[in-house]
Structure formats: C-alpha cells, structure tokens
Amino acid sequence: MSQDDFGAEFGLKKSVVGTYIRGISHPKIEIIQNICDKYNLTLDEFIKEDISTKQTTHISASGTNGTIDAADLYKAENRALQKTIEAQWQTIEAMKITIDTLLNKQ
C-alpha cells in the first residue's frame, strides 16, 4: 500500500503520512482509532503488540520508489505514539500543578 493509498483510506495527505513515518508528527487519536477499526486491532494491540511477525507486506514509501517494511513502519509509528503519550502525560501533570496552584490561591 502506498502512502497515497493509505492517506486516501484515512483522509490524509501523502505528506502527512510521511511525517508520521519519519516521526516528525503523530496521528490524532481519531486517526489511530480509524486505523484500528480498519485493521481490526484494539488500541492496546496497535500500541503494544509486535505485529512485525504477523505482517510481511511491504508499503511503498514514495508510491513508486523503494519500499518500507511493514515491521519498520510499525516500529516507527509505535515510537512516535509512545512519544505522543509521554508528552500528553507531561501536559496533564503540568495542568494538575496549575490547577492545584489556582485552587490554593482561593
């Protein structure tokens, strides 16, 4: 499946899919849920399970030139998602501190 095909499947531009693959940006949770629905995965399986042993197809990186192994793509997406989750936890913790500070000022 090319980046164009994958993007069309989920309403994403090829360039956006490329940023996901390179770890520059991360998909929104709605996109992840759509991917999980399409491929019959739970969020837990998508994030934690090593599908590299299950998936042997290749995905075209540029639509025509070269390929990226599905296992490598999965690992890159997994790392990107883990970074997103960590950043969200840090934001939550910072918000908790702000809320506590504001509540204590009253």
PDB file of N, CA and C in Angstrom:
ATOM      1  N   MET A   1       0.855  -1.172   0.000  1.00  0.00           N
ATOM      2  CA  MET A   1       0.000   0.000   0.000  1.00  0.00           C
ATOM      3  C   MET A   1       0.899   1.231   0.000  1.00  0.00           C
ATOM      4  N   SER A   2       0.628   2.134  -0.915  1.00  0.00           N
ATOM      5  CA  SER A   2       1.433   3.356  -0.991  1.00  0.00           C
ATOM      6  C   SER A   2       0.977   4.355   0.065  1.00  0.00           C
ATOM      7  N   GLN A   3       1.796   5.369   0.283  1.00  0.00           N
ATOM      8  CA  GLN A   3       1.405   6.435   1.205  1.00  0.00           C
ATOM      9  C   GLN A   3       0.142   7.121   0.701  1.00  0.00           C
ATOM     10  N   ASP A   4       0.040   7.274  -0.621  1.00  0.00           N
ATOM     11  CA  ASP A   4      -1.164   7.875  -1.198  1.00  0.00           C
ATOM     12  C   ASP A   4      -2.396   7.040  -0.876  1.00  0.00           C
ATOM     13  N   ASP A   5      -2.274   5.721  -1.062  1.00  0.00           N
ATOM     14  CA  ASP A   5      -3.397   4.825  -0.784  1.00  0.00           C
ATOM     15  C   ASP A   5      -3.772   4.856   0.694  1.00  0.00           C
ATOM     16  N   PHE A   6      -2.754   4.792   1.540  1.00  0.00           N
ATOM     17  CA  PHE A   6      -3.002   4.820   2.985  1.00  0.00           C
ATOM     18  C   PHE A   6      -3.662   6.139   3.373  1.00  0.00           C
ATOM     19  N   GLY A   7      -3.135   7.238   2.851  1.00  0.00           N
ATOM     20  CA  GLY A   7      -3.705   8.547   3.149  1.00  0.00           C
ATOM     21  C   GLY A   7      -5.141   8.663   2.676  1.00  0.00           C
ATOM     22  N   ALA A   8      -5.410   8.179   1.468  1.00  0.00           N
ATOM     23  CA  ALA A   8      -6.774   8.228   0.937  1.00  0.00           C
ATOM     24  C   ALA A   8      -7.726   7.411   1.806  1.00  0.00           C
ATOM     25  N   GLU A   9      -7.249   6.290   2.290  1.00  0.00           N
ATOM     26  CA  GLU A   9      -8.066   5.417   3.144  1.00  0.00           C
ATOM     27  C   GLU A   9      -8.517   6.132   4.417  1.00  0.00           C
ATOM     28  N   PHE A  10      -7.650   7.012   4.941  1.00  0.00           N
ATOM     29  CA  PHE A  10      -7.935   7.654   6.218  1.00  0.00           C
ATOM     30  C   PHE A  10      -8.085   9.173   6.113  1.00  0.00           C
ATOM     31  N   GLY A  11      -8.222   9.679   4.881  1.00  0.00           N
ATOM     32  CA  GLY A  11      -8.434  11.109   4.685  1.00  0.00           C
ATOM     33  C   GLY A  11      -7.215  11.954   5.001  1.00  0.00           C
ATOM     34  N   LEU A  12      -6.027  11.432   4.696  1.00  0.00           N
ATOM     35  CA  LEU A  12      -4.775  12.130   4.990  1.00  0.00           C
ATOM     36  C   LEU A  12      -3.998  12.378   3.701  1.00  0.00           C
ATOM     37  N   LYS A  13      -3.243  13.458   3.662  1.00  0.00           N
ATOM     38  CA  LYS A  13      -2.361  13.720   2.530  1.00  0.00           C
ATOM     39  C   LYS A  13      -1.124  12.833   2.652  1.00  0.00           C
ATOM     40  N   LYS A  14      -0.527  12.536   1.507  1.00  0.00           N
ATOM     41  CA  LYS A  14       0.695  11.731   1.481  1.00  0.00           C
ATOM     42  C   LYS A  14       1.779  12.361   2.350  1.00  0.00           C
ATOM     43  N   SER A  15       1.891  13.686   2.315  1.00  0.00           N
ATOM     44  CA  SER A  15       2.925  14.370   3.095  1.00  0.00           C
ATOM     45  C   SER A  15       2.706  14.173   4.590  1.00  0.00           C
ATOM     46  N   VAL A  16       1.443  14.129   5.014  1.00  0.00           N
ATOM     47  CA  VAL A  16       1.133  13.907   6.433  1.00  0.00           C
ATOM     48  C   VAL A  16       1.538  12.495   6.834  1.00  0.00           C
ATOM     49  N   VAL A  17       1.212  11.527   5.979  1.00  0.00           N
ATOM     50  CA  VAL A  17       1.607  10.141   6.249  1.00  0.00           C
ATOM     51  C   VAL A  17       3.126  10.058   6.350  1.00  0.00           C
ATOM     52  N   GLY A  18       3.826  10.771   5.484  1.00  0.00           N
ATOM     53  CA  GLY A  18       5.287  10.792   5.525  1.00  0.00           C
ATOM     54  C   GLY A  18       5.829  11.334   6.835  1.00  0.00           C
ATOM     55  N   THR A  19       5.176  12.361   7.373  1.00  0.00           N
ATOM     56  CA  THR A  19       5.639  12.902   8.657  1.00  0.00           C
ATOM     57  C   THR A  19       5.422  11.901   9.781  1.00  0.00           C
ATOM     58  N   TYR A  20       4.361  11.094   9.679  1.00  0.00           N
ATOM     59  CA  TYR A  20       4.139  10.038  10.678  1.00  0.00           C
ATOM     60  C   TYR A  20       5.255   9.000  10.594  1.00  0.00           C
ATOM     61  N   ILE A  21       5.564   8.597   9.381  1.00  0.00           N
ATOM     62  CA  ILE A  21       6.582   7.563   9.176  1.00  0.00           C
ATOM     63  C   ILE A  21       7.939   8.027   9.691  1.00  0.00           C
ATOM     64  N   ARG A  22       8.273   9.288   9.448  1.00  0.00           N
ATOM     65  CA  ARG A  22       9.571   9.815   9.883  1.00  0.00           C
ATOM     66  C   ARG A  22       9.577  10.242  11.346  1.00  0.00           C
ATOM     67  N   GLY A  23       8.438  10.169  12.005  1.00  0.00           N
ATOM     68  CA  GLY A  23       8.372  10.527  13.421  1.00  0.00           C
ATOM     69  C   GLY A  23       8.369  12.023  13.674  1.00  0.00           C
ATOM     70  N   ILE A  24       8.093  12.806  12.640  1.00  0.00           N
ATOM     71  CA  ILE A  24       8.063  14.257  12.778  1.00  0.00           C
ATOM     72  C   ILE A  24       6.781  14.700  13.468  1.00  0.00           C
ATOM     73  N   SER A  25       5.693  14.041  13.143  1.00  0.00           N
ATOM     74  CA  SER A  25       4.416  14.337  13.791  1.00  0.00           C
ATOM     75  C   SER A  25       3.727  13.023  14.130  1.00  0.00           C
ATOM     76  N   HIS A  26       2.627  13.137  14.830  1.00  0.00           N
ATOM     77  CA  HIS A  26       1.928  11.951  15.312  1.00  0.00           C
ATOM     78  C   HIS A  26       0.456  12.058  14.967  1.00  0.00           C
ATOM     79  N   PRO A  27      -0.160  10.930  14.650  1.00  0.00           N
ATOM     80  CA  PRO A  27      -1.584  10.979  14.305  1.00  0.00           C
ATOM     81  C   PRO A  27      -2.448  11.309  15.512  1.00  0.00           C
ATOM     82  N   LYS A  28      -3.545  11.990  15.247  1.00  0.00           N
ATOM     83  CA  LYS A  28      -4.519  12.260  16.296  1.00  0.00           C
ATOM     84  C   LYS A  28      -5.166  10.941  16.703  1.00  0.00           C
ATOM     85  N   ILE A  29      -5.706  10.915  17.900  1.00  0.00           N
ATOM     86  CA  ILE A  29      -6.301   9.684  18.414  1.00  0.00           C
ATOM     87  C   ILE A  29      -7.428   9.194  17.503  1.00  0.00           C
ATOM     88  N   GLU A  30      -8.154  10.107  16.871  1.00  0.00           N
ATOM     89  CA  GLU A  30      -9.235   9.711  15.973  1.00  0.00           C
ATOM     90  C   GLU A  30      -8.699   8.917  14.783  1.00  0.00           C
ATOM     91  N   ILE A  31      -7.556   9.328  14.272  1.00  0.00           N
ATOM     92  CA  ILE A  31      -6.932   8.618  13.154  1.00  0.00           C
ATOM     93  C   ILE A  31      -6.484   7.238  13.618  1.00  0.00           C
ATOM     94  N   ILE A  32      -5.877   7.171  14.792  1.00  0.00           N
ATOM     95  CA  ILE A  32      -5.432   5.881  15.330  1.00  0.00           C
ATOM     96  C   ILE A  32      -6.631   4.957  15.505  1.00  0.00           C
ATOM     97  N   GLN A  33      -7.735   5.488  16.018  1.00  0.00           N
ATOM     98  CA  GLN A  33      -8.938   4.675  16.190  1.00  0.00           C
ATOM     99  C   GLN A  33      -9.452   4.178  14.846  1.00  0.00           C
ATOM    100  N   ASN A  34      -9.418   5.028  13.825  1.00  0.00           N
ATOM    101  CA  ASN A  34      -9.850   4.609  12.490  1.00  0.00           C
ATOM    102  C   ASN A  34      -8.956   3.507  11.933  1.00  0.00           C
ATOM    103  N   ILE A  35      -7.648   3.631  12.145  1.00  0.00           N
ATOM    104  CA  ILE A  35      -6.712   2.598  11.695  1.00  0.00           C
ATOM    105  C   ILE A  35      -7.018   1.283  12.406  1.00  0.00           C
ATOM    106  N   CYS A  36      -7.215   1.362  13.707  1.00  0.00           N
ATOM    107  CA  CYS A  36      -7.528   0.158  14.487  1.00  0.00           C
ATOM    108  C   CYS A  36      -8.825  -0.478  14.010  1.00  0.00           C
ATOM    109  N   ASP A  37      -9.833   0.343  13.745  1.00  0.00           N
ATOM    110  CA  ASP A  37     -11.108  -0.186  13.245  1.00  0.00           C
ATOM    111  C   ASP A  37     -10.919  -0.876  11.900  1.00  0.00           C
ATOM    112  N   LYS A  38     -10.195  -0.227  11.001  1.00  0.00           N
ATOM    113  CA  LYS A  38      -9.981  -0.765   9.652  1.00  0.00           C
ATOM    114  C   LYS A  38      -9.249  -2.103   9.692  1.00  0.00           C
ATOM    115  N   TYR A  39      -8.242  -2.212  10.563  1.00  0.00           N
ATOM    116  CA  TYR A  39      -7.425  -3.424  10.607  1.00  0.00           C
ATOM    117  C   TYR A  39      -7.788  -4.339  11.773  1.00  0.00           C
ATOM    118  N   ASN A  40      -8.957  -4.077  12.375  1.00  0.00           N
ATOM    119  CA  ASN A  40      -9.492  -4.930  13.434  1.00  0.00           C
ATOM    120  C   ASN A  40      -8.493  -5.132  14.573  1.00  0.00           C
ATOM    121  N   LEU A  41      -7.941  -4.028  15.057  1.00  0.00           N
ATOM    122  CA  LEU A  41      -6.999  -4.043  16.175  1.00  0.00           C
ATOM    123  C   LEU A  41      -7.579  -3.245  17.331  1.00  0.00           C
ATOM    124  N   THR A  42      -7.234  -3.635  18.543  1.00  0.00           N
ATOM    125  CA  THR A  42      -7.546  -2.790  19.686  1.00  0.00           C
ATOM    126  C   THR A  42      -6.449  -1.738  19.777  1.00  0.00           C
ATOM    127  N   LEU A  43      -6.709  -0.657  20.489  1.00  0.00           N
ATOM    128  CA  LEU A  43      -5.664   0.349  20.689  1.00  0.00           C
ATOM    129  C   LEU A  43      -4.459  -0.272  21.379  1.00  0.00           C
ATOM    130  N   ASP A  44      -4.720  -1.158  22.328  1.00  0.00           N
ATOM    131  CA  ASP A  44      -3.639  -1.825  23.048  1.00  0.00           C
ATOM    132  C   ASP A  44      -2.777  -2.645  22.096  1.00  0.00           C
ATOM    133  N   GLU A  45      -3.410  -3.403  21.207  1.00  0.00           N
ATOM    134  CA  GLU A  45      -2.650  -4.183  20.233  1.00  0.00           C
ATOM    135  C   GLU A  45      -1.843  -3.269  19.320  1.00  0.00           C
ATOM    136  N   PHE A  46      -2.449  -2.192  18.893  1.00  0.00           N
ATOM    137  CA  PHE A  46      -1.780  -1.263  17.984  1.00  0.00           C
ATOM    138  C   PHE A  46      -0.536  -0.666  18.619  1.00  0.00           C
ATOM    139  N   ILE A  47      -0.626  -0.334  19.904  1.00  0.00           N
ATOM    140  CA  ILE A  47       0.482   0.325  20.583  1.00  0.00           C
ATOM    141  C   ILE A  47       1.513  -0.665  21.100  1.00  0.00           C
ATOM    142  N   LYS A  48       1.068  -1.802  21.612  1.00  0.00           N
ATOM    143  CA  LYS A  48       1.983  -2.696  22.318  1.00  0.00           C
ATOM    144  C   LYS A  48       2.404  -3.940  21.555  1.00  0.00           C
ATOM    145  N   GLU A  49       1.541  -4.494  20.736  1.00  0.00           N
ATOM    146  CA  GLU A  49       1.822  -5.785  20.126  1.00  0.00           C
ATOM    147  C   GLU A  49       2.818  -5.656  18.985  1.00  0.00           C
ATOM    148  N   ASP A  50       3.739  -6.602  18.914  1.00  0.00           N
ATOM    149  CA  ASP A  50       4.715  -6.622  17.830  1.00  0.00           C
ATOM    150  C   ASP A  50       4.086  -7.337  16.642  1.00  0.00           C
ATOM    151  N   ILE A  51       3.585  -6.557  15.689  1.00  0.00           N
ATOM    152  CA  ILE A  51       2.953  -7.174  14.531  1.00  0.00           C
ATOM    153  C   ILE A  51       3.970  -7.491  13.435  1.00  0.00           C
ATOM    154  N   SER A  52       5.235  -7.240  13.698  1.00  0.00           N
ATOM    155  CA  SER A  52       6.246  -7.473  12.668  1.00  0.00           C
ATOM    156  C   SER A  52       6.316  -8.937  12.275  1.00  0.00           C
ATOM    157  N   THR A  53       5.967  -9.831  13.185  1.00  0.00           N
ATOM    158  CA  THR A  53       5.992 -11.249  12.850  1.00  0.00           C
ATOM    159  C   THR A  53       4.729 -11.671  12.120  1.00  0.00           C
ATOM    160  N   LYS A  54       3.693 -10.846  12.170  1.00  0.00           N
ATOM    161  CA  LYS A  54       2.425 -11.176  11.537  1.00  0.00           C
ATOM    162  C   LYS A  54       2.285 -10.554  10.157  1.00  0.00           C
ATOM    163  N   GLN A  55       2.934  -9.447   9.930  1.00  0.00           N
ATOM    164  CA  GLN A  55       2.712  -8.671   8.726  1.00  0.00           C
ATOM    165  C   GLN A  55       3.975  -8.689   7.883  1.00  0.00           C
ATOM    166  N   THR A  56       3.873  -9.231   6.699  1.00  0.00           N
ATOM    167  CA  THR A  56       5.058  -9.356   5.858  1.00  0.00           C
ATOM    168  C   THR A  56       4.945  -8.554   4.566  1.00  0.00           C
ATOM    169  N   THR A  57       3.874  -7.788   4.408  1.00  0.00           N
ATOM    170  CA  THR A  57       3.727  -6.989   3.194  1.00  0.00           C
ATOM    171  C   THR A  57       4.665  -5.794   3.237  1.00  0.00           C
ATOM    172  N   HIS A  58       4.874  -5.220   2.106  1.00  0.00           N
ATOM    173  CA  HIS A  58       5.701  -4.020   2.011  1.00  0.00           C
ATOM    174  C   HIS A  58       4.825  -2.838   1.644  1.00  0.00           C
ATOM    175  N   ILE A  59       5.194  -1.698   2.120  1.00  0.00           N
ATOM    176  CA  ILE A  59       4.457  -0.473   1.842  1.00  0.00           C
ATOM    177  C   ILE A  59       5.379   0.451   1.065  1.00  0.00           C
ATOM    178  N   SER A  60       4.902   0.935  -0.031  1.00  0.00           N
ATOM    179  CA  SER A  60       5.715   1.821  -0.850  1.00  0.00           C
ATOM    180  C   SER A  60       5.922   3.147  -0.143  1.00  0.00           C
ATOM    181  N   ALA A  61       7.171   3.548  -0.003  1.00  0.00           N
ATOM    182  CA  ALA A  61       7.492   4.785   0.708  1.00  0.00           C
ATOM    183  C   ALA A  61       7.156   6.018  -0.122  1.00  0.00           C
ATOM    184  N   SER A  62       7.295   5.918  -1.421  1.00  0.00           N
ATOM    185  CA  SER A  62       7.092   7.099  -2.263  1.00  0.00           C
ATOM    186  C   SER A  62       5.980   6.897  -3.282  1.00  0.00           C
ATOM    187  N   GLY A  63       5.328   5.789  -3.198  1.00  0.00           N
ATOM    188  CA  GLY A  63       4.307   5.491  -4.197  1.00  0.00           C
ATOM    189  C   GLY A  63       4.871   4.666  -5.332  1.00  0.00           C
ATOM    190  N   THR A  64       6.136   4.907  -5.686  1.00  0.00           N
ATOM    191  CA  THR A  64       6.748   4.141  -6.764  1.00  0.00           C
ATOM    192  C   THR A  64       8.176   3.717  -6.440  1.00  0.00           C
ATOM    193  N   ASN A  65       8.908   4.513  -5.698  1.00  0.00           N
ATOM    194  CA  ASN A  65      10.320   4.230  -5.455  1.00  0.00           C
ATOM    195  C   ASN A  65      10.522   3.574  -4.103  1.00  0.00           C
ATOM    196  N   GLY A  66      11.202   2.444  -4.084  1.00  0.00           N
ATOM    197  CA  GLY A  66      11.585   1.803  -2.832  1.00  0.00           C
ATOM    198  C   GLY A  66      10.407   1.327  -2.003  1.00  0.00           C
ATOM    199  N   THR A  67      10.732   0.632  -0.941  1.00  0.00           N
ATOM    200  CA  THR A  67       9.703   0.141  -0.037  1.00  0.00           C
ATOM    201  C   THR A  67      10.162   0.284   1.396  1.00  0.00           C
ATOM    202  N   ILE A  68       9.196   0.311   2.299  1.00  0.00           N
ATOM    203  CA  ILE A  68       9.465   0.285   3.730  1.00  0.00           C
ATOM    204  C   ILE A  68       8.806  -0.970   4.266  1.00  0.00           C
ATOM    205  N   ASP A  69       9.544  -1.794   4.952  1.00  0.00           N
ATOM    206  CA  ASP A  69       8.992  -2.996   5.535  1.00  0.00           C
ATOM    207  C   ASP A  69       7.910  -2.611   6.534  1.00  0.00           C
ATOM    208  N   ALA A  70       6.811  -3.339   6.529  1.00  0.00           N
ATOM    209  CA  ALA A  70       5.696  -3.043   7.434  1.00  0.00           C
ATOM    210  C   ALA A  70       6.145  -3.087   8.888  1.00  0.00           C
ATOM    211  N   ALA A  71       7.068  -3.980   9.208  1.00  0.00           N
ATOM    212  CA  ALA A  71       7.559  -4.070  10.587  1.00  0.00           C
ATOM    213  C   ALA A  71       8.291  -2.790  10.982  1.00  0.00           C
ATOM    214  N   ASP A  72       9.098  -2.251  10.066  1.00  0.00           N
ATOM    215  CA  ASP A  72       9.805  -0.998  10.349  1.00  0.00           C
ATOM    216  C   ASP A  72       8.825   0.158  10.500  1.00  0.00           C
ATOM    217  N   LEU A  73       7.809   0.179   9.646  1.00  0.00           N
ATOM    218  CA  LEU A  73       6.785   1.214   9.739  1.00  0.00           C
ATOM    219  C   LEU A  73       6.069   1.118  11.078  1.00  0.00           C
ATOM    220  N   TYR A  74       5.710  -0.086  11.457  1.00  0.00           N
ATOM    221  CA  TYR A  74       5.028  -0.292  12.743  1.00  0.00           C
ATOM    222  C   TYR A  74       5.899   0.208  13.895  1.00  0.00           C
ATOM    223  N   LYS A  75       7.166  -0.137  13.872  1.00  0.00           N
ATOM    224  CA  LYS A  75       8.067   0.279  14.955  1.00  0.00           C
ATOM    225  C   LYS A  75       8.195   1.800  15.010  1.00  0.00           C
ATOM    226  N   ALA A  76       8.301   2.431  13.851  1.00  0.00           N
ATOM    227  CA  ALA A  76       8.401   3.896  13.817  1.00  0.00           C
ATOM    228  C   ALA A  76       7.120   4.539  14.346  1.00  0.00           C
ATOM    229  N   GLU A  77       5.985   3.999  13.928  1.00  0.00           N
ATOM    230  CA  GLU A  77       4.707   4.526  14.418  1.00  0.00           C
ATOM    231  C   GLU A  77       4.574   4.309  15.916  1.00  0.00           C
ATOM    232  N   ASN A  78       5.007   3.156  16.372  1.00  0.00           N
ATOM    233  CA  ASN A  78       4.921   2.846  17.803  1.00  0.00           C
ATOM    234  C   ASN A  78       5.763   3.829  18.609  1.00  0.00           C
ATOM    235  N   ARG A  79       6.987   4.090  18.152  1.00  0.00           N
ATOM    236  CA  ARG A  79       7.852   5.053  18.850  1.00  0.00           C
ATOM    237  C   ARG A  79       7.215   6.440  18.858  1.00  0.00           C
ATOM    238  N   ALA A  80       6.653   6.827  17.730  1.00  0.00           N
ATOM    239  CA  ALA A  80       6.011   8.140  17.645  1.00  0.00           C
ATOM    240  C   ALA A  80       4.823   8.229  18.592  1.00  0.00           C
ATOM    241  N   LEU A  81       4.047   7.177  18.662  1.00  0.00           N
ATOM    242  CA  LEU A  81       2.896   7.176  19.570  1.00  0.00           C
ATOM    243  C   LEU A  81       3.336   7.205  21.022  1.00  0.00           C
ATOM    244  N   GLN A  82       4.384   6.484  21.343  1.00  0.00           N
ATOM    245  CA  GLN A  82       4.886   6.491  22.719  1.00  0.00           C
ATOM    246  C   GLN A  82       5.345   7.897  23.107  1.00  0.00           C
ATOM    247  N   LYS A  83       5.994   8.601  22.178  1.00  0.00           N
ATOM    248  CA  LYS A  83       6.420   9.981  22.444  1.00  0.00           C
ATOM    249  C   LYS A  83       5.212  10.884  22.659  1.00  0.00           C
ATOM    250  N   THR A  84       4.185  10.686  21.850  1.00  0.00           N
ATOM    251  CA  THR A  84       2.961  11.477  22.000  1.00  0.00           C
ATOM    252  C   THR A  84       2.313  11.229  23.346  1.00  0.00           C
ATOM    253  N   ILE A  85       2.225   9.984  23.728  1.00  0.00           N
ATOM    254  CA  ILE A  85       1.624   9.628  25.017  1.00  0.00           C
ATOM    255  C   ILE A  85       2.417  10.251  26.159  1.00  0.00           C
ATOM    256  N   GLU A  86       3.730  10.173  26.094  1.00  0.00           N
ATOM    257  CA  GLU A  86       4.574  10.756  27.138  1.00  0.00           C
ATOM    258  C   GLU A  86       4.370  12.271  27.214  1.00  0.00           C
ATOM    259  N   ALA A  87       4.312  12.915  26.061  1.00  0.00           N
ATOM    260  CA  ALA A  87       4.094  14.370  26.043  1.00  0.00           C
ATOM    261  C   ALA A  87       2.730  14.721  26.628  1.00  0.00           C
ATOM    262  N   GLN A  88       1.737  13.918  26.344  1.00  0.00           N
ATOM    263  CA  GLN A  88       0.407  14.169  26.896  1.00  0.00           C
ATOM    264  C   GLN A  88       0.399  13.990  28.409  1.00  0.00           C
ATOM    265  N   TRP A  89       1.102  12.996  28.913  1.00  0.00           N
ATOM    266  CA  TRP A  89       1.195  12.809  30.365  1.00  0.00           C
ATOM    267  C   TRP A  89       1.892  13.998  31.019  1.00  0.00           C
ATOM    268  N   GLN A  90       2.940  14.502  30.388  1.00  0.00           N
ATOM    269  CA  GLN A  90       3.631  15.668  30.933  1.00  0.00           C
ATOM    270  C   GLN A  90       2.713  16.886  30.960  1.00  0.00           C
ATOM    271  N   THR A  91       1.921  17.046  29.919  1.00  0.00           N
ATOM    272  CA  THR A  91       0.959  18.151  29.881  1.00  0.00           C
ATOM    273  C   THR A  91      -0.075  18.000  30.988  1.00  0.00           C
ATOM    274  N   ILE A  92      -0.562  16.796  31.179  1.00  0.00           N
ATOM    275  CA  ILE A  92      -1.543  16.538  32.243  1.00  0.00           C
ATOM    276  C   ILE A  92      -0.952  16.872  33.606  1.00  0.00           C
ATOM    277  N   GLU A  93       0.266  16.442  33.844  1.00  0.00           N
ATOM    278  CA  GLU A  93       0.910  16.715  35.134  1.00  0.00           C
ATOM    279  C   GLU A  93       1.097  18.218  35.343  1.00  0.00           C
ATOM    280  N   ALA A  94       1.491  18.922  34.292  1.00  0.00           N
ATOM    281  CA  ALA A  94       1.652  20.377  34.400  1.00  0.00           C
ATOM    282  C   ALA A  94       0.311  21.048  34.678  1.00  0.00           C
ATOM    283  N   MET A  95      -0.734  20.561  34.059  1.00  0.00           N
ATOM    284  CA  MET A  95      -2.067  21.122  34.297  1.00  0.00           C
ATOM    285  C   MET A  95      -2.533  20.856  35.725  1.00  0.00           C
ATOM    286  N   LYS A  96      -2.206  19.694  36.256  1.00  0.00           N
ATOM    287  CA  LYS A  96      -2.561  19.385  37.646  1.00  0.00           C
ATOM    288  C   LYS A  96      -1.909  20.387  38.597  1.00  0.00           C
ATOM    289  N   ILE A  97      -0.647  20.684  38.350  1.00  0.00           N
ATOM    290  CA  ILE A  97       0.073  21.646  39.193  1.00  0.00           C
ATOM    291  C   ILE A  97      -0.580  23.022  39.086  1.00  0.00           C
ATOM    292  N   THR A  98      -0.904  23.428  37.870  1.00  0.00           N
ATOM    293  CA  THR A  98      -1.562  24.724  37.669  1.00  0.00           C
ATOM    294  C   THR A  98      -2.907  24.770  38.382  1.00  0.00           C
ATOM    295  N   ILE A  99      -3.677  23.733  38.271  1.00  0.00           N
ATOM    296  CA  ILE A  99      -4.988  23.675  38.930  1.00  0.00           C
ATOM    297  C   ILE A  99      -4.827  23.742  40.443  1.00  0.00           C
ATOM    298  N   ASP A 100      -3.888  22.952  40.973  1.00  0.00           N
ATOM    299  CA  ASP A 100      -3.642  22.982  42.421  1.00  0.00           C
ATOM    300  C   ASP A 100      -3.231  24.378  42.882  1.00  0.00           C
ATOM    301  N   THR A 101      -2.372  25.027  42.115  1.00  0.00           N
ATOM    302  CA  THR A 101      -1.926  26.380  42.459  1.00  0.00           C
ATOM    303  C   THR A 101      -3.100  27.352  42.465  1.00  0.00           C
ATOM    304  N   LEU A 102      -3.927  27.270  41.464  1.00  0.00           N
ATOM    305  CA  LEU A 102      -5.087  28.160  41.379  1.00  0.00           C
ATOM    306  C   LEU A 102      -6.086  27.894  42.504  1.00  0.00           C
ATOM    307  N   LEU A 103      -6.286  26.645  42.842  1.00  0.00           N
ATOM    308  CA  LEU A 103      -7.214  26.306  43.925  1.00  0.00           C
ATOM    309  C   LEU A 103      -6.693  26.776  45.280  1.00  0.00           C
ATOM    310  N   ASN A 104      -5.392  26.718  45.466  1.00  0.00           N
ATOM    311  CA  ASN A 104      -4.796  27.137  46.736  1.00  0.00           C
ATOM    312  C   ASN A 104      -4.793  28.655  46.906  1.00  0.00           C
ATOM    313  N   LYS A 105      -4.914  29.411  45.826  1.00  0.00           N
ATOM    314  CA  LYS A 105      -4.943  30.873  45.907  1.00  0.00           C
ATOM    315  C   LYS A 105      -6.305  31.387  46.361  1.00  0.00           C
ATOM    316  N   GLN A 106      -7.291  30.547  46.288  1.00  0.00           N
ATOM    317  CA  GLN A 106      -8.648  30.997  46.637  1.00  0.00           C
ATOM    318  C   GLN A 106      -8.848  31.049  48.092  1.00  0.00           C
TER     319      GLN A 106
END
